[in-house]
C-alpha atoms as a PDB file:
ATOM      1  CA  MET A   1     -45.645  37.023-193.830  1.00  0.00           C
ATOM      2  CA  ILE A   2     -46.753  36.503-190.263  1.00  0.00           C
ATOM      3  CA  THR A   3     -49.409  33.860-189.726  1.00  0.00           C
ATOM      4  CA  THR A   4     -52.720  34.141-187.884  1.00  0.00           C
ATOM      5  CA  LYS A   5     -51.382  31.759-185.263  1.00  0.00           C
ATOM      6  CA  GLU A   6     -48.323  33.949-184.673  1.00  0.00           C
ATOM      7  CA  LEU A   7     -50.441  37.096-184.441  1.00  0.00           C
ATOM      8  CA  ASN A   8     -52.778  35.454-181.939  1.00  0.00           C
ATOM      9  CA  GLN A   9     -49.762  34.352-179.884  1.00  0.00           C
ATOM     10  CA  ASP A  10     -48.347  37.893-179.934  1.00  0.00           C
ATOM     11  CA  ILE A  11     -51.713  39.321-178.884  1.00  0.00           C
ATOM     12  CA  MET A  12     -51.958  36.835-176.029  1.00  0.00           C
ATOM     13  CA  GLU A  13     -48.443  37.667-174.834  1.00  0.00           C
ATOM     14  CA  ILE A  14     -48.978  41.423-174.816  1.00  0.00           C
ATOM     15  CA  THR A  15     -52.376  41.008-173.144  1.00  0.00           C
ATOM     16  CA  LEU A  16     -50.761  38.940-170.387  1.00  0.00           C
ATOM     17  CA  LYS A  17     -48.037  41.563-170.027  1.00  0.00           C
ATOM     18  CA  ILE A  18     -50.678  44.264-169.631  1.00  0.00           C
ATOM     19  CA  ARG A  19     -52.582  42.155-167.091  1.00  0.00           C
ATOM     20  CA  ASP A  20     -49.453  41.385-165.061  1.00  0.00           C
ATOM     21  CA  ARG A  21     -47.672  44.759-165.126  1.00  0.00           C
ATOM     22  CA  TYR A  22     -50.484  47.258-165.653  1.00  0.00           C
ATOM     23  CA  PRO A  23     -53.778  45.707-164.494  1.00  0.00           C
ATOM     24  CA  GLU A  24     -55.369  49.155-164.454  1.00  0.00           C
ATOM     25  CA  LEU A  25     -55.350  49.045-168.280  1.00  0.00           C
ATOM     26  CA  ILE A  26     -57.495  45.913-168.525  1.00  0.00           C
ATOM     27  CA  LYS A  27     -60.672  47.988-168.577  1.00  0.00           C
ATOM     28  CA  TYR A  28     -59.541  49.542-171.872  1.00  0.00           C
ATOM     29  CA  LEU A  29     -59.098  46.221-173.646  1.00  0.00           C
ATOM     30  CA  ASP A  30     -62.849  45.815-174.087  1.00  0.00           C
ATOM     31  CA  GLU A  31     -62.922  49.200-175.794  1.00  0.00           C
ATOM     32  CA  MET A  32     -60.486  47.935-178.431  1.00  0.00           C
ATOM     33  CA  PRO A  33     -62.311  44.993-180.004  1.00  0.00           C
ATOM     34  CA  VAL A  34     -60.875  43.032-182.880  1.00  0.00           C
ATOM     35  CA  ARG A  35     -62.795  43.722-186.050  1.00  0.00           C
ATOM     36  CA  ASN A  36     -64.362  40.692-187.635  1.00  0.00           C
ATOM     37  CA  ASP A  37     -65.163  41.087-191.319  1.00  0.00           C
ATOM     38  CA  ASP A  38     -66.938  37.713-191.477  1.00  0.00           C
ATOM     39  CA  SER A  39     -64.620  36.951-194.316  1.00  0.00           C
ATOM     40  CA  SER A  40     -62.729  33.807-195.106  1.00  0.00           C
ATOM     41  CA  ASP A  41     -59.922  35.976-196.438  1.00  0.00           C
ATOM     42  CA  ASP A  42     -56.818  35.144-194.382  1.00  0.00           C
ATOM     43  CA  GLU A  43     -55.125  38.345-195.468  1.00  0.00           C
ATOM     44  CA  ALA A  44     -58.005  40.485-194.147  1.00  0.00           C
ATOM     45  CA  GLU A  45     -58.054  38.545-190.879  1.00  0.00           C
ATOM     46  CA  ASN A  46     -54.295  38.991-190.450  1.00  0.00           C
ATOM     47  CA  ARG A  47     -54.594  42.699-191.209  1.00  0.00           C
ATOM     48  CA  ASN A  48     -57.289  43.076-188.522  1.00  0.00           C
ATOM     49  CA  LEU A  49     -55.260  41.108-185.987  1.00  0.00           C
ATOM     50  CA  LYS A  50     -52.161  43.178-186.792  1.00  0.00           C
ATOM     51  CA  GLU A  51     -54.122  46.408-186.290  1.00  0.00           C
ATOM     52  CA  TYR A  52     -55.365  45.120-182.930  1.00  0.00           C
ATOM     53  CA  TYR A  53     -51.851  44.075-181.903  1.00  0.00           C
ATOM     54  CA  ASP A  54     -50.505  47.484-182.919  1.00  0.00           C
ATOM     55  CA  SER A  55     -53.199  49.218-180.863  1.00  0.00           C
ATOM     56  CA  LEU A  56     -52.286  47.105-177.826  1.00  0.00           C
ATOM     57  CA  THR A  57     -48.577  47.849-178.185  1.00  0.00           C
ATOM     58  CA  GLY A  58     -49.349  51.544-178.633  1.00  0.00           C
ATOM     59  CA  LEU A  59     -51.494  51.602-175.505  1.00  0.00           C
ATOM     60  CA  LEU A  60     -48.837  49.773-173.503  1.00  0.00           C
ATOM     61  CA  ALA A  61     -45.959  51.917-174.778  1.00  0.00           C
ATOM     62  CA  LYS A  62     -47.745  55.196-174.087  1.00  0.00           C
ATOM     63  CA  TYR A  63     -48.869  54.154-170.621  1.00  0.00           C
ATOM     64  CA  ALA A  64     -45.461  52.756-169.669  1.00  0.00           C
ATOM     65  CA  GLU A  65     -43.739  55.922-170.871  1.00  0.00           C
ATOM     66  CA  GLU A  66     -46.012  58.068-168.708  1.00  0.00           C
ATOM     67  CA  HIS A  67     -46.015  55.862-165.601  1.00  0.00           C
ATOM     68  CA  ASP A  68     -42.682  54.049-165.411  1.00  0.00           C
ATOM     69  CA  SER A  69     -40.714  57.032-164.155  1.00  0.00           C
ATOM     70  CA  GLU A  70     -40.938  55.732-160.601  1.00  0.00           C
ATOM     71  CA  PRO A  71     -37.670  54.377-159.206  1.00  0.00           C
ATOM     72  CA  LYS A  72     -37.413  50.597-159.273  1.00  0.00           C
ATOM     73  CA  VAL A  73     -36.992  48.724-156.018  1.00  0.00           C
ATOM     74  CA  PRO A  74     -33.562  47.045-155.943  1.00  0.00           C
ATOM     75  CA  GLY A  75     -33.711  43.292-156.109  1.00  0.00           C
ATOM     76  CA  THR A  76     -37.066  43.098-157.865  1.00  0.00           C
ATOM     77  CA  GLN A  77     -37.582  41.589-161.254  1.00  0.00           C
ATOM     78  CA  GLU A  78     -39.012  43.595-164.141  1.00  0.00           C
END
């Protein structure tokens, strides 16, 4: 089972990826808040973080699919 720390790390990494590659999506991140059940239940917290992570990856995947059809400039890093 993935830990809260690992989920938070994954969320941070994908958020940085969105900020670096697709800054125009940053405005949508506020519209996707992490639910907080005010519970001390680690399982519920992990479930909420996982749902948030999945929503971020879905947003990124859909946007990239629609907008990455432009030819890449030779010699640039992805």
